Protein backbone atom coordinates (compact mmCIF):
# COMPACT_ATOMS: atom_id res chain seq x y z
CA MET A 1 -157.45 29.88 133.69
CA ARG A 2 -158.79 26.90 135.61
CA ALA A 3 -157.49 26.06 139.07
CA VAL A 4 -158.23 24.00 142.20
CA VAL A 5 -159.86 26.43 144.64
CA TYR A 6 -160.49 25.85 148.35
CA GLN A 7 -164.17 26.22 149.26
CA GLY A 8 -164.10 25.17 152.91
CA PRO A 9 -163.30 22.09 155.00
CA PHE A 10 -163.42 18.94 152.83
CA GLU A 11 -164.51 20.89 149.76
CA VAL A 12 -162.54 22.09 146.74
CA ALA A 13 -163.66 22.90 143.20
CA VAL A 14 -162.08 23.48 139.80
CA GLU A 15 -163.00 27.06 138.91
CA GLU A 16 -162.10 29.85 136.53
CA VAL A 17 -159.70 32.30 138.21
CA PRO A 18 -157.78 35.32 136.88
CA ASP A 19 -154.72 34.51 134.79
CA PRO A 20 -151.41 35.29 136.49
CA ARG A 21 -149.33 38.10 135.04
CA ILE A 22 -145.83 39.48 135.31
CA GLU A 23 -145.96 41.70 138.41
CA HIS A 24 -142.24 42.37 138.82
CA PRO A 25 -139.37 42.33 136.31
CA ASN A 26 -137.87 39.26 138.02
CA ASP A 27 -141.02 37.15 137.52
CA VAL A 28 -141.67 34.42 134.98
CA LEU A 29 -144.95 32.79 134.03
CA VAL A 30 -144.97 28.98 133.82
CA ARG A 31 -147.48 26.77 132.03
CA VAL A 32 -147.96 23.97 134.55
CA THR A 33 -147.55 20.46 133.15
CA SER A 34 -147.38 18.50 136.43
CA THR A 35 -148.34 19.30 139.99
CA CYS A 36 -148.63 17.10 143.06
CA ILE A 37 -150.93 16.97 146.08
CA CYS A 38 -148.95 17.33 149.31
CA GLY A 39 -149.90 15.99 152.70
CA SER A 40 -149.77 19.57 153.97
CA ASP A 41 -152.47 20.49 151.43
CA LEU A 42 -154.67 18.14 153.42
CA HIS A 43 -154.15 20.31 156.50
CA MET A 44 -156.04 23.08 154.70
CA TYR A 45 -158.49 20.76 152.96
CA GLU A 46 -159.54 19.23 156.27
CA GLY A 47 -160.02 22.63 157.91
CA ARG A 48 -157.06 22.33 160.28
CA THR A 49 -155.66 25.77 159.36
CA ALA A 50 -156.91 29.34 159.16
CA ALA A 51 -157.28 29.08 155.38
CA GLU A 52 -160.09 31.18 153.92
CA PRO A 53 -162.10 30.09 150.86
CA GLY A 54 -160.53 31.16 147.59
CA ILE A 55 -156.98 29.85 148.04
CA VAL A 56 -155.60 28.09 144.96
CA PHE A 57 -153.74 25.01 146.18
CA GLY A 58 -150.47 23.62 144.91
CA HIS A 59 -146.81 24.02 145.91
CA GLU A 60 -145.24 21.10 144.01
CA ASN A 61 -145.06 22.48 140.50
CA LEU A 62 -143.34 21.71 137.21
CA GLY A 63 -143.91 23.27 133.80
CA VAL A 64 -142.67 25.26 130.82
CA ILE A 65 -141.79 28.95 130.91
CA GLU A 66 -144.18 30.99 128.75
CA GLU A 67 -143.21 34.57 129.62
CA VAL A 68 -140.07 36.12 131.12
CA GLY A 69 -139.76 39.38 133.06
CA SER A 70 -137.32 42.01 131.83
CA ALA A 71 -134.92 41.56 134.78
CA VAL A 72 -134.64 37.76 134.49
CA THR A 73 -131.15 36.84 133.30
CA THR A 74 -130.73 33.05 133.36
CA LEU A 75 -134.04 31.78 131.99
CA ARG A 76 -135.81 31.87 128.65
CA GLU A 77 -139.18 31.00 127.19
CA GLY A 78 -139.68 27.32 126.41
CA GLN A 79 -137.46 25.95 129.18
CA ARG A 80 -138.86 23.19 131.36
CA VAL A 81 -138.47 24.05 135.03
CA VAL A 82 -139.40 22.74 138.46
CA MET A 83 -139.99 25.03 141.43
CA PRO A 84 -139.14 24.28 145.07
CA PHE A 85 -142.22 24.51 147.26
CA ASN A 86 -140.79 27.42 149.25
CA VAL A 87 -140.54 30.84 147.59
CA ALA A 88 -137.29 32.63 148.42
CA CYS A 89 -135.36 35.70 147.29
CA GLY A 90 -131.87 34.21 147.37
CA PHE A 91 -130.19 37.30 148.81
CA CYS A 92 -131.50 37.99 152.33
CA ARG A 93 -129.53 37.01 155.45
CA ASN A 94 -131.35 33.71 155.86
CA CYS A 95 -131.14 32.78 152.19
CA GLU A 96 -127.41 33.55 152.15
CA ALA A 97 -127.07 31.18 155.12
CA GLY A 98 -128.87 28.43 153.19
CA LYS A 99 -132.08 28.77 155.20
CA THR A 100 -134.30 29.55 152.22
CA GLY A 101 -137.37 28.15 153.96
CA PHE A 102 -137.12 31.18 156.26
CA CYS A 103 -136.62 33.88 153.63
CA LEU A 104 -137.05 37.37 155.12
CA THR A 105 -138.06 39.06 151.85
CA VAL A 106 -140.96 37.23 150.26
CA ASN A 107 -143.56 37.44 153.03
CA PRO A 108 -143.32 40.66 155.09
CA GLY A 109 -143.78 40.05 158.80
CA PHE A 110 -143.22 36.30 158.49
CA ALA A 111 -140.09 34.28 157.77
CA GLY A 112 -140.74 32.07 154.75
CA GLY A 113 -143.10 31.86 151.79
CA ALA A 114 -144.73 29.18 149.66
CA TYR A 115 -147.13 28.79 146.76
CA GLY A 116 -150.79 28.27 147.55
CA TYR A 117 -150.57 27.93 151.31
CA VAL A 118 -152.23 29.84 154.13
CA ALA A 119 -150.09 32.57 155.79
CA MET A 120 -147.19 31.87 153.43
CA GLY A 121 -147.50 35.00 151.31
CA PRO A 122 -149.54 36.22 148.33
CA TYR A 123 -148.45 33.43 146.00
CA THR A 124 -151.14 31.56 144.10
CA GLY A 125 -150.69 27.80 143.96
CA GLY A 126 -149.83 25.66 140.97
CA GLN A 127 -152.77 23.26 140.88
CA ALA A 128 -153.74 25.47 137.99
CA GLN A 129 -152.96 25.98 134.35
CA ARG A 130 -150.36 28.69 134.97
CA LEU A 131 -148.16 29.94 137.78
CA ARG A 132 -146.33 33.19 138.49
CA VAL A 133 -142.84 32.52 139.86
CA PRO A 134 -141.19 35.47 141.68
CA TYR A 135 -137.40 35.83 141.93
CA ALA A 136 -137.39 33.39 139.07
CA ASP A 137 -133.63 33.19 138.55
CA PHE A 138 -133.38 31.78 142.08
CA ASN A 139 -136.61 29.77 142.25
CA CYS A 140 -136.59 27.91 138.92
CA LEU A 141 -134.51 24.77 138.45
CA VAL A 142 -133.97 24.19 134.74
CA LEU A 143 -134.60 20.61 133.58
CA PRO A 144 -133.54 18.77 130.42
CA GLU A 145 -135.62 19.58 127.38
CA GLY A 146 -138.40 17.26 126.30
CA THR A 147 -141.11 15.46 128.19
CA GLU A 148 -139.28 12.44 129.60
CA HIS A 149 -139.20 11.63 133.34
CA GLU A 150 -141.99 14.12 134.09
CA THR A 151 -143.24 12.28 137.18
CA ASP A 152 -139.69 11.84 138.48
CA TYR A 153 -138.80 15.51 138.07
CA ALA A 154 -142.05 16.57 139.74
CA MET A 155 -140.75 15.00 142.95
CA LEU A 156 -137.90 17.55 142.97
CA ALA A 157 -140.38 20.25 143.98
CA ASP A 158 -140.84 18.88 147.49
CA ILE A 159 -140.95 15.18 148.31
CA PHE A 160 -137.48 14.00 147.34
CA PRO A 161 -135.46 17.02 148.57
CA THR A 162 -137.48 17.14 151.80
CA GLY A 163 -136.63 13.51 152.56
CA TYR A 164 -133.02 14.10 151.56
CA HIS A 165 -132.81 17.16 153.78
CA GLY A 166 -133.87 15.03 156.74
CA CYS A 167 -130.78 12.91 156.05
CA GLU A 168 -128.69 16.06 155.79
CA LEU A 169 -129.92 17.27 159.17
CA ALA A 170 -129.17 13.86 160.66
CA GLY A 171 -125.70 13.80 159.12
CA VAL A 172 -126.24 10.37 157.56
CA SER A 173 -122.88 9.01 156.44
CA PRO A 174 -121.60 5.80 154.79
CA GLY A 175 -121.99 2.81 157.07
CA ASP A 176 -124.57 4.41 159.36
CA THR A 177 -127.66 2.69 160.63
CA VAL A 178 -130.71 4.95 160.43
CA ALA A 179 -134.24 4.95 161.85
CA VAL A 180 -136.88 6.80 159.82
CA TYR A 181 -140.09 7.46 161.72
CA GLY A 182 -142.91 7.63 159.17
CA CYS A 183 -143.32 5.85 155.83
CA GLY A 184 -145.38 8.40 153.96
CA PRO A 185 -143.90 9.85 150.76
CA VAL A 186 -141.33 11.98 152.61
CA GLY A 187 -140.38 9.12 154.94
CA LEU A 188 -139.89 6.79 151.99
CA MET A 189 -137.72 9.37 150.25
CA ALA A 190 -135.75 9.84 153.47
CA ALA A 191 -135.13 6.09 153.64
CA TYR A 192 -134.16 6.02 149.96
CA SER A 193 -131.88 9.03 150.46
CA ALA A 194 -130.21 7.36 153.43
CA PHE A 195 -129.21 4.49 151.17
CA LEU A 196 -127.98 6.97 148.55
CA ARG A 197 -125.75 8.47 151.25
CA GLY A 198 -124.31 5.04 152.07
CA ALA A 199 -126.35 3.89 155.07
CA SER A 200 -125.72 0.25 155.85
CA ARG A 201 -129.23 -0.36 157.21
CA VAL A 202 -132.42 1.67 157.42
CA TYR A 203 -135.33 0.92 159.75
CA SER A 204 -138.63 2.39 158.52
CA VAL A 205 -141.24 2.80 161.26
CA ASP A 206 -144.98 3.05 160.59
CA ARG A 207 -148.26 1.32 161.32
CA VAL A 208 -149.74 1.12 157.79
CA PRO A 209 -148.97 -2.25 156.16
CA GLU A 210 -148.94 -0.84 152.61
CA ARG A 211 -146.39 1.79 153.56
CA LEU A 212 -144.20 -0.73 155.34
CA ARG A 213 -144.26 -2.94 152.24
CA LEU A 214 -143.11 -0.02 150.09
CA ALA A 215 -140.27 0.67 152.52
CA GLU A 216 -139.22 -2.97 152.30
CA GLN A 217 -139.20 -2.76 148.50
CA ILE A 218 -136.51 -0.06 148.60
CA GLY A 219 -134.39 -2.14 150.99
CA ALA A 220 -135.45 -0.80 154.38
CA THR A 221 -136.28 -3.01 157.35
CA PRO A 222 -139.96 -2.42 158.26
CA VAL A 223 -140.83 -1.78 161.91
CA ASP A 224 -144.55 -1.86 162.78
CA PHE A 225 -145.07 0.26 165.87
CA THR A 226 -148.45 -1.34 166.53
CA GLN A 227 -146.37 -4.34 167.59
CA GLY A 228 -144.62 -2.46 170.40
CA ASP A 229 -142.08 0.25 171.13
CA PRO A 230 -140.20 0.78 167.85
CA ALA A 231 -136.98 1.69 169.65
CA GLN A 232 -137.08 -1.61 171.51
CA GLN A 233 -137.88 -3.49 168.31
CA ILE A 234 -134.81 -1.98 166.65
CA LEU A 235 -132.67 -2.88 169.65
CA ASP A 236 -133.98 -6.43 169.46
CA LEU A 237 -133.07 -6.57 165.77
CA ASN A 238 -129.50 -5.29 165.96
CA GLY A 239 -128.63 -5.05 169.66
CA GLU A 240 -127.33 -1.50 169.52
CA GLY A 241 -129.94 0.95 168.21
CA THR A 242 -129.04 3.33 165.38
CA ASP A 243 -126.51 6.04 164.57
CA ALA A 244 -129.08 8.52 163.30
CA GLY A 245 -132.81 9.12 163.25
CA ILE A 246 -135.24 11.09 161.08
CA ASP A 247 -138.69 12.28 162.13
CA ALA A 248 -140.98 12.20 159.07
CA TRP A 249 -144.36 11.94 160.75
CA GLY A 250 -145.92 14.84 158.88
CA THR A 251 -144.34 18.08 160.06
CA ARG A 252 -141.08 19.49 158.78
CA PRO A 253 -138.70 16.53 158.91
CA THR A 254 -135.93 16.66 161.46
CA GLY A 255 -132.85 14.56 161.96
CA TRP A 256 -130.55 13.82 164.85
CA ARG A 257 -127.38 11.96 165.67
CA THR A 258 -127.42 9.64 168.65
CA ARG A 259 -124.70 10.15 171.24
CA SER A 260 -123.39 6.65 170.77
CA ALA A 261 -124.11 3.70 168.57
CA ARG A 262 -125.78 2.03 171.50
CA SER A 263 -128.22 4.86 172.20
CA ARG A 264 -131.89 4.19 171.68
CA PRO A 265 -133.43 6.12 168.81
CA ARG A 266 -136.02 8.56 170.05
CA CYS A 267 -139.28 9.54 168.42
């Protein structure tokens, strides 16, 4: 099959690589129909990790099941599925606690696994024609049949749930005011998710005009930190700071609750 293969810093190529195969009875093989480029892929692409040439990129994957392992019980050939970016078993101590990003099974000696990412296990990425999905009953989310909403469903692999999880960590509740630091794709989804959870006002902080305009389009109040301390700008706007804050600068998003409505949001 053809896949996007890392060559070295600032260099990738579409190459022929071995086709994936069923390696364990709980695997499925998926024909990839959509896959996204993540900001964290750029960490490898730009040489900021220990990635070695030969890695197939891609951890935001959607497609159609083509082959099902003998132990898979809830999936069948022909179903359209989307896969979370993290690979997890679903039954270890961390998975049972809901901490699937730190699965203890899928990557021996390291908590957590992912498709096509350095140090995250032996899982080939999905910027390719096909993808092997381990622990498929747990890792495949079945989608409605057909081809509609493909680009929307692709966001369920990473961007949308990551932004939403930031709101979950921050405990965003109806009526809250929220500061989201970063207006990249995850930051925008965090702002959008805050509104879905009933936030009364969202302040989106960034320095890129295009990103701030996108935040404004979804109803957020843009805060340009090139114009001064964003916490002070928010205080000047509403006089009391925010109830919650979400860090979406480009690492795993985090959220926090301020001690009082008058506390300054921190970055």
